[in-house]
Protein backbone atom coordinates (compact mmCIF):
# COMPACT_ATOMS: atom_id res chain seq x y z
CA MET A 1 0.16 -0.04 -0.18
CA LEU A 2 2.49 2.37 0.42
CA PHE A 3 4.16 1.72 -2.65
CA SER A 4 1.10 2.64 -4.28
CA SER A 5 0.49 5.51 -2.34
CA ARG A 6 3.92 7.12 -3.37
CA ARG A 7 3.12 6.13 -6.93
CA TRP A 8 -0.43 8.20 -6.71
CA SER A 9 2.10 10.98 -5.19
CA ALA A 10 4.48 10.89 -8.00
CA ILE A 11 2.10 10.94 -11.13
CA GLY A 12 -0.04 13.48 -9.35
CA LEU A 13 2.97 15.70 -8.58
CA LEU A 14 4.28 15.31 -12.29
CA PHE A 15 0.75 16.39 -13.41
CA VAL A 16 0.77 19.48 -11.57
CA LEU A 17 4.21 20.06 -12.96
CA CYS A 18 3.45 19.51 -16.42
CA SER A 19 0.29 21.77 -15.60
CA LEU A 20 1.89 24.74 -14.99
CA ALA A 21 4.65 24.29 -17.48
CA SER A 22 4.18 25.54 -20.34
CA GLY A 23 0.76 24.74 -20.62
CA CYS A 24 1.35 20.77 -21.58
CA GLY A 25 0.59 21.73 -25.03
CA ASP A 26 -2.04 24.10 -24.54
CA GLU A 27 -2.25 26.71 -26.93
CA LEU A 28 -0.59 30.48 -25.80
CA ASP A 29 -3.01 32.93 -26.30
CA PRO A 30 -1.33 35.46 -27.98
CA VAL A 31 -3.88 38.52 -26.24
CA GLU A 32 -2.50 37.18 -23.20
CA LEU A 33 0.76 37.73 -23.93
CA PHE A 34 0.14 41.03 -25.69
CA GLN A 35 -1.39 42.61 -22.34
CA ASN A 36 1.56 41.01 -19.94
CA GLY A 37 3.84 42.89 -22.06
CA GLU A 38 5.32 39.64 -24.34
CA TYR A 39 5.49 41.27 -27.55
CA ASP A 40 7.65 39.31 -29.40
CA ARG A 41 6.13 36.28 -28.48
CA ALA A 42 2.72 37.38 -29.24
CA PHE A 43 3.81 39.22 -32.65
CA GLN A 44 5.19 35.71 -33.84
CA ILE A 45 1.28 33.86 -32.74
CA PHE A 46 -0.54 36.30 -34.16
CA SER A 47 2.00 36.38 -37.73
CA ASP A 48 0.80 32.33 -37.94
CA GLN A 49 -2.73 33.04 -37.07
CA ALA A 50 -2.88 35.92 -39.47
CA GLU A 51 -1.28 33.92 -42.33
CA GLY A 52 -4.15 31.16 -41.83
CA GLY A 53 -6.90 33.96 -42.30
CA ASP A 54 -7.47 35.17 -38.41
CA ILE A 55 -9.01 38.39 -39.03
CA ALA A 56 -8.54 39.40 -35.11
CA ALA A 57 -4.92 38.58 -35.56
CA CYS A 58 -4.41 40.80 -38.76
CA ASN A 59 -6.11 43.79 -36.43
CA TYR A 60 -3.43 42.75 -33.62
CA LEU A 61 -0.63 43.07 -35.86
CA GLY A 62 -1.47 46.55 -36.87
CA THR A 63 -1.20 47.44 -33.12
CA HIS A 64 1.92 46.23 -32.99
CA TYR A 65 3.21 47.84 -35.85
CA TYR A 66 1.67 51.40 -35.05
CA LEU A 67 2.79 51.28 -31.34
CA GLY A 68 6.43 49.76 -31.87
CA LEU A 69 5.87 46.38 -29.51
CA GLY A 70 7.40 43.38 -30.45
CA VAL A 71 9.24 45.33 -33.96
CA LYS A 72 10.07 48.52 -35.54
CA ARG A 73 7.50 50.92 -35.75
CA ASP A 74 5.88 51.43 -38.80
CA PHE A 75 2.60 52.96 -39.74
CA GLU A 76 2.79 51.75 -43.10
CA GLN A 77 2.74 48.08 -41.99
CA ALA A 78 0.02 48.78 -39.01
CA ALA A 79 -1.95 50.47 -41.78
CA ARG A 80 -1.49 47.38 -44.30
CA TRP A 81 -2.48 44.95 -41.46
CA TYR A 82 -5.61 47.11 -40.67
CA GLU A 83 -6.58 47.51 -43.59
CA ALA A 84 -6.44 43.10 -43.68
CA ALA A 85 -8.77 43.46 -40.90
CA ALA A 86 -11.04 46.32 -42.01
CA VAL A 87 -12.00 45.04 -45.52
CA ALA A 88 -13.37 41.37 -43.84
CA GLU A 89 -15.40 43.91 -41.87
CA ASP A 90 -13.64 43.31 -38.52
CA PRO A 91 -15.29 46.99 -36.92
CA GLN A 92 -11.64 47.27 -34.42
CA GLY A 93 -9.95 47.42 -37.83
CA GLN A 94 -12.03 49.64 -39.16
CA ARG A 95 -11.47 51.85 -36.75
CA ASN A 96 -8.23 51.42 -36.70
CA LEU A 97 -7.89 52.23 -40.09
CA GLY A 98 -9.77 55.06 -39.77
CA VAL A 99 -8.26 56.70 -37.41
CA MET A 100 -4.80 56.07 -39.38
CA TYR A 101 -6.40 58.21 -42.49
CA LEU A 102 -7.72 60.73 -40.14
CA ARG A 103 -4.23 61.49 -38.65
CA GLY A 104 -2.33 60.45 -42.13
CA LEU A 105 -0.41 57.80 -40.43
CA GLY A 106 1.20 55.55 -43.12
CA VAL A 107 -1.17 56.30 -45.72
CA GLY A 108 -2.53 59.87 -46.92
CA LYS A 109 -4.35 62.14 -44.66
CA ASP A 110 -7.98 61.69 -46.26
CA PHE A 111 -11.15 62.38 -44.30
CA GLN A 112 -13.49 60.51 -46.75
CA GLN A 113 -11.91 57.57 -46.31
CA ALA A 114 -11.56 58.24 -42.68
CA TYR A 115 -15.09 58.98 -42.26
CA GLY A 116 -16.36 55.65 -44.34
CA TRP A 117 -14.06 53.29 -42.35
CA LEU A 118 -15.20 55.12 -39.07
CA TYR A 119 -18.90 54.61 -40.06
CA PHE A 120 -18.50 50.96 -40.71
CA ALA A 121 -16.38 50.60 -37.25
CA TYR A 122 -19.51 52.31 -35.21
CA GLU A 123 -22.39 50.28 -37.43
CA GLY A 124 -20.65 46.96 -36.49
CA GLY A 125 -21.07 47.76 -33.03
CA ASN A 126 -17.23 49.43 -32.44
CA LEU A 127 -18.96 51.98 -30.14
CA PRO A 128 -15.53 54.14 -29.78
CA ALA A 129 -15.85 54.89 -33.49
CA LYS A 130 -18.04 57.40 -32.67
CA GLN A 131 -16.18 59.99 -31.06
CA TYR A 132 -14.03 60.52 -33.97
CA LEU A 133 -16.90 60.48 -36.35
CA ASP A 134 -18.15 63.30 -34.14
CA LEU A 135 -14.81 64.82 -33.93
CA MET A 136 -14.97 64.85 -37.74
CA SER A 137 -18.22 66.54 -38.38
CA ASP A 138 -17.14 69.70 -39.50
CA ASN A 139 -14.60 67.96 -42.18
CA VAL A 140 -17.19 65.99 -43.87
CA THR A 141 -19.76 67.01 -45.71
CA PRO A 142 -23.55 64.91 -46.09
CA ASN A 143 -22.58 64.42 -49.80
CA SER A 144 -19.20 63.96 -49.02
CA SER A 145 -20.24 61.12 -46.07
CA VAL A 146 -22.33 59.27 -48.84
CA LEU A 147 -19.91 59.14 -50.85
CA ALA A 148 -17.23 57.46 -48.26
CA ARG A 149 -19.81 54.87 -47.35
CA ARG A 150 -19.86 53.79 -50.71
CA ASN A 151 -16.37 53.87 -51.24
CA VAL A 152 -15.91 51.24 -47.94
CA ARG A 153 -18.75 49.56 -49.05
CA LYS A 154 -17.09 48.58 -52.54
CA LYS A 155 -14.27 47.64 -51.14
CA ILE A 156 -15.49 45.29 -48.37
CA GLU A 157 -17.90 44.03 -51.27
CA ALA A 158 -14.24 43.58 -53.55
CA HIS A 159 -13.26 41.22 -50.25
CA ALA A 160 -15.74 39.57 -50.24
CA ALA A 161 -16.18 38.30 -53.77
CA LYS A 162 -12.23 38.08 -53.57
CA ILE A 163 -12.72 35.08 -50.90
CA ARG A 164 -16.00 33.66 -52.36
CA GLN A 165 -14.03 32.79 -55.58
CA ARG A 166 -10.95 31.19 -53.81
CA THR A 167 -13.77 29.08 -52.17
CA SER A 168 -14.83 28.44 -54.99
CA GLN A 169 -11.48 27.42 -57.01
CA THR A 170 -10.82 25.18 -54.38
CA HIS A 171 -13.92 23.30 -53.91
């Protein structure tokens, strides 16, 4: 009986140690890594996920480049990743891309583009985008806002059509 008790204690200890060490095969959460300041590791995981089509990962890559966390700060790369998320209808990516156009960071300053992306971000549930829309009210005319929404909608639809075409080619 003593041997059996020791064996179970050893197995229990091994289980606890395994659980504490690197998750025992569980995938690392890049959002948690990002929030804990482990930017290099988070960036690598987000990169892999973005390559696999994860839209939220595209937005996080944009944030890495925008803030220079785990990579050299690069507004053009940030805008590229935000756009990848934005055309796939990610409200955070849309807001972030809108802010890039509003401020002229990594893209040319363009109030119409900014308005269009911020509008869709807000419509998609990104409530902070409303503050930017209110801020822009003096810079975009009613006619311009209609054109902005139409132009952004065309970009979103073109992206969706491209995805549908790729999907139909693989089936």
